[in-house]
C-alpha atoms as a PDB file:
ATOM      1  CA  MET A   1     169.305 129.891 152.961  1.00  0.00           C
ATOM      2  CA  LYS A   2     167.579 129.467 149.602  1.00  0.00           C
ATOM      3  CA  SER A   3     166.490 132.547 147.713  1.00  0.00           C
ATOM      4  CA  GLU A   4     162.802 133.375 147.353  1.00  0.00           C
ATOM      5  CA  ASN A   5     163.013 132.886 143.624  1.00  0.00           C
ATOM      6  CA  SER A   6     164.536 129.385 143.831  1.00  0.00           C
ATOM      7  CA  ILE A   7     161.902 128.282 146.360  1.00  0.00           C
ATOM      8  CA  GLY A   8     159.101 129.999 144.445  1.00  0.00           C
ATOM      9  CA  ASN A   9     160.010 128.207 141.235  1.00  0.00           C
ATOM     10  CA  GLY A  10     158.967 124.917 142.872  1.00  0.00           C
ATOM     11  CA  VAL A  11     155.506 126.161 143.884  1.00  0.00           C
ATOM     12  CA  GLN A  12     152.691 125.495 141.450  1.00  0.00           C
ATOM     13  CA  LEU A  13     149.046 126.583 141.570  1.00  0.00           C
ATOM     14  CA  ASP A  14     146.035 125.321 139.722  1.00  0.00           C
ATOM     15  CA  PHE A  15     142.352 126.177 139.570  1.00  0.00           C
ATOM     16  CA  CYS A  16     139.362 125.042 137.532  1.00  0.00           C
ATOM     17  CA  CYS A  17     138.419 127.155 134.533  1.00  0.00           C
ATOM     18  CA  LEU A  18     135.467 129.443 135.206  1.00  0.00           C
ATOM     19  CA  SER A  19     134.085 129.196 131.649  1.00  0.00           C
ATOM     20  CA  GLU A  20     130.796 127.368 131.326  1.00  0.00           C
ATOM     21  CA  ASN A  21     131.079 123.883 129.851  1.00  0.00           C
ATOM     22  CA  CYS A  22     134.851 123.849 130.270  1.00  0.00           C
ATOM     23  CA  SER A  23     136.578 121.332 132.505  1.00  0.00           C
ATOM     24  CA  GLY A  24     140.065 122.727 131.982  1.00  0.00           C
ATOM     25  CA  VAL A  25     142.518 123.157 134.840  1.00  0.00           C
ATOM     26  CA  ILE A  26     144.738 126.226 134.688  1.00  0.00           C
ATOM     27  CA  LYS A  27     148.247 125.591 136.057  1.00  0.00           C
ATOM     28  CA  PHE A  28     151.053 128.073 136.662  1.00  0.00           C
ATOM     29  CA  GLY A  29     154.053 128.742 138.852  1.00  0.00           C
ATOM     30  CA  LEU A  30     153.395 130.936 141.877  1.00  0.00           C
ATOM     31  CA  ALA A  31     156.605 132.883 141.226  1.00  0.00           C
ATOM     32  CA  ASP A  32     155.263 133.775 137.764  1.00  0.00           C
ATOM     33  CA  ILE A  33     152.649 136.155 139.199  1.00  0.00           C
ATOM     34  CA  ILE A  34     155.411 138.648 139.945  1.00  0.00           C
ATOM     35  CA  GLU A  35     155.825 139.266 136.210  1.00  0.00           C
ATOM     36  CA  PRO A  36     153.895 142.425 135.221  1.00  0.00           C
ATOM     37  CA  ASP A  37     152.403 140.861 132.061  1.00  0.00           C
ATOM     38  CA  PHE A  38     151.471 137.523 133.673  1.00  0.00           C
ATOM     39  CA  GLN A  39     148.379 135.737 132.362  1.00  0.00           C
ATOM     40  CA  ALA A  40     147.096 132.281 133.169  1.00  0.00           C
ATOM     41  CA  VAL A  41     145.511 130.534 130.172  1.00  0.00           C
ATOM     42  CA  CYS A  42     143.134 127.577 130.149  1.00  0.00           C
ATOM     43  CA  PRO A  43     144.693 124.782 128.079  1.00  0.00           C
ATOM     44  CA  GLN A  44     141.259 123.612 126.952  1.00  0.00           C
ATOM     45  CA  CYS A  45     139.181 126.694 126.003  1.00  0.00           C
ATOM     46  CA  HIS A  46     142.122 129.148 125.906  1.00  0.00           C
ATOM     47  CA  ARG A  47     140.414 131.679 128.178  1.00  0.00           C
ATOM     48  CA  ALA A  48     143.008 134.087 129.556  1.00  0.00           C
ATOM     49  CA  TYR A  49     142.979 135.172 133.196  1.00  0.00           C
ATOM     50  CA  GLU A  50     144.642 138.384 134.329  1.00  0.00           C
ATOM     51  CA  PHE A  51     144.908 138.960 138.070  1.00  0.00           C
ATOM     52  CA  ASP A  52     144.322 142.387 139.586  1.00  0.00           C
ATOM     53  CA  GLU A  53     146.783 143.902 142.045  1.00  0.00           C
ATOM     54  CA  GLU A  54     144.786 142.762 145.096  1.00  0.00           C
ATOM     55  CA  LEU A  55     144.758 139.116 143.993  1.00  0.00           C
ATOM     56  CA  ARG A  56     148.404 139.279 142.932  1.00  0.00           C
ATOM     57  CA  GLY A  57     149.242 140.753 146.343  1.00  0.00           C
ATOM     58  CA  LYS A  58     147.529 137.870 148.135  1.00  0.00           C
ATOM     59  CA  LEU A  59     149.349 135.313 146.010  1.00  0.00           C
ATOM     60  CA  LYS A  60     152.643 137.132 146.608  1.00  0.00           C
ATOM     61  CA  ARG A  61     152.025 136.950 150.377  1.00  0.00           C
ATOM     62  CA  MET A  62     151.321 133.212 149.999  1.00  0.00           C
ATOM     63  CA  LEU A  63     154.681 132.882 148.246  1.00  0.00           C
ATOM     64  CA  ASP A  64     156.319 134.839 151.094  1.00  0.00           C
ATOM     65  CA  LEU A  65     154.691 132.456 153.607  1.00  0.00           C
ATOM     66  CA  ILE A  66     155.955 129.387 151.759  1.00  0.00           C
ATOM     67  CA  VAL A  67     159.449 130.898 151.616  1.00  0.00           C
ATOM     68  CA  ALA A  68     159.325 131.594 155.380  1.00  0.00           C
ATOM     69  CA  ILE A  69     158.250 128.007 156.062  1.00  0.00           C
ATOM     70  CA  ARG A  70     161.043 126.634 153.842  1.00  0.00           C
ATOM     71  CA  ASN A  71     163.598 128.867 155.549  1.00  0.00           C
ATOM     72  CA  SER A  72     162.393 127.551 158.932  1.00  0.00           C
ATOM     73  CA  GLU A  73     162.636 123.845 158.112  1.00  0.00           C
ATOM     74  CA  ASP A  74     165.386 123.302 160.683  1.00  0.00           C
ATOM     75  CA  ILE A  75     163.064 124.609 163.420  1.00  0.00           C
ATOM     76  CA  LEU A  76     159.955 122.913 162.066  1.00  0.00           C
ATOM     77  CA  GLY A  77     161.800 119.584 161.950  1.00  0.00           C
ATOM     78  CA  ASP A  78     161.821 119.661 165.741  1.00  0.00           C
ATOM     79  CA  SER A  79     158.207 120.847 166.039  1.00  0.00           C
ATOM     80  CA  VAL A  80     154.994 118.880 166.423  1.00  0.00           C
ATOM     81  CA  VAL A  81     151.327 119.704 166.426  1.00  0.00           C
ATOM     82  CA  ALA A  82     149.639 118.146 169.449  1.00  0.00           C
ATOM     83  CA  VAL A  83     145.985 117.184 169.138  1.00  0.00           C
ATOM     84  CA  ASN A  84     144.009 116.376 172.264  1.00  0.00           C
ATOM     85  CA  VAL A  85     141.917 113.244 171.865  1.00  0.00           C
ATOM     86  CA  ALA A  86     139.868 111.128 174.269  1.00  0.00           C
ATOM     87  CA  GLY A  87     142.806 108.877 175.163  1.00  0.00           C
ATOM     88  CA  GLY A  88     145.325 111.690 175.660  1.00  0.00           C
ATOM     89  CA  GLU A  89     147.401 113.499 173.086  1.00  0.00           C
ATOM     90  CA  VAL A  90     148.509 112.677 169.554  1.00  0.00           C
ATOM     91  CA  ARG A  91     151.686 114.382 168.356  1.00  0.00           C
ATOM     92  CA  ILE A  92     152.004 114.909 164.623  1.00  0.00           C
ATOM     93  CA  PRO A  93     155.360 116.089 163.276  1.00  0.00           C
ATOM     94  CA  TYR A  94     154.910 119.465 161.631  1.00  0.00           C
ATOM     95  CA  ALA A  95     156.876 118.345 158.569  1.00  0.00           C
ATOM     96  CA  LEU A  96     154.396 115.481 158.084  1.00  0.00           C
ATOM     97  CA  LEU A  97     151.498 117.930 158.109  1.00  0.00           C
ATOM     98  CA  LEU A  98     153.166 120.049 155.436  1.00  0.00           C
ATOM     99  CA  THR A  99     153.617 117.074 153.125  1.00  0.00           C
ATOM    100  CA  ARG A 100     150.328 115.236 153.696  1.00  0.00           C
ATOM    101  CA  LEU A 101     147.716 117.999 153.767  1.00  0.00           C
ATOM    102  CA  ASN A 102     146.195 119.474 150.627  1.00  0.00           C
ATOM    103  CA  THR A 103     146.883 123.184 150.638  1.00  0.00           C
ATOM    104  CA  LEU A 104     144.134 125.383 149.225  1.00  0.00           C
ATOM    105  CA  ILE A 105     143.620 129.103 149.171  1.00  0.00           C
ATOM    106  CA  SER A 106     140.128 130.349 148.302  1.00  0.00           C
ATOM    107  CA  LEU A 107     140.185 133.739 146.620  1.00  0.00           C
ATOM    108  CA  ASP A 108     137.741 135.920 144.705  1.00  0.00           C
ATOM    109  CA  LEU A 109     138.267 135.520 140.971  1.00  0.00           C
ATOM    110  CA  GLY A 110     135.867 137.516 138.828  1.00  0.00           C
ATOM    111  CA  GLY A 111     133.286 137.786 141.616  1.00  0.00           C
ATOM    112  CA  LYS A 112     133.367 134.054 142.364  1.00  0.00           C
ATOM    113  CA  LYS A 113     135.171 132.263 145.217  1.00  0.00           C
ATOM    114  CA  THR A 114     137.706 130.013 143.570  1.00  0.00           C
ATOM    115  CA  ASP A 115     139.880 127.346 145.164  1.00  0.00           C
ATOM    116  CA  PHE A 116     143.537 127.532 144.185  1.00  0.00           C
ATOM    117  CA  HIS A 117     145.388 124.283 144.893  1.00  0.00           C
ATOM    118  CA  LEU A 118     149.021 124.727 145.892  1.00  0.00           C
ATOM    119  CA  TRP A 119     151.628 122.151 144.998  1.00  0.00           C
ATOM    120  CA  VAL A 120     155.002 122.734 146.589  1.00  0.00           C
ATOM    121  CA  GLU A 121     157.853 121.162 144.627  1.00  0.00           C
ATOM    122  CA  PRO A 122     155.843 118.375 142.997  1.00  0.00           C
ATOM    123  CA  SER A 123     157.857 115.291 142.223  1.00  0.00           C
ATOM    124  CA  SER A 124     156.611 115.232 138.623  1.00  0.00           C
ATOM    125  CA  PRO A 125     154.105 116.964 136.352  1.00  0.00           C
ATOM    126  CA  SER A 126     151.731 114.021 136.946  1.00  0.00           C
ATOM    127  CA  THR A 127     151.396 115.196 140.548  1.00  0.00           C
ATOM    128  CA  PHE A 128     148.885 117.761 139.321  1.00  0.00           C
ATOM    129  CA  ARG A 129     145.271 116.766 138.909  1.00  0.00           C
END
């Protein structure tokens, strides 16, 4: 079983900068939010983002969920999601869903709903937007 920290190091988040007239995308490792002095900084306008305990708690629970999913891969490899359609049933392997769906979590950031995109173990830095 992999440790939470080793799994968490492969999970990246990004979100669009909330500053007006800035198109920067802030990127950071999900495991980094555990650090007490963590800040996310826009690479374009250099605005710093500090997350309050509530937001950090939600992101920590997301990390816990990802760790639980990774630790259950042997079970999930045998699982499918069945979708009823007009002609019967379509079975989609659960592992395929995890790799082909865009994972987003929408959270309140400074009074504004913000989409955080999750990237689990991207193959390269160019995987990010």
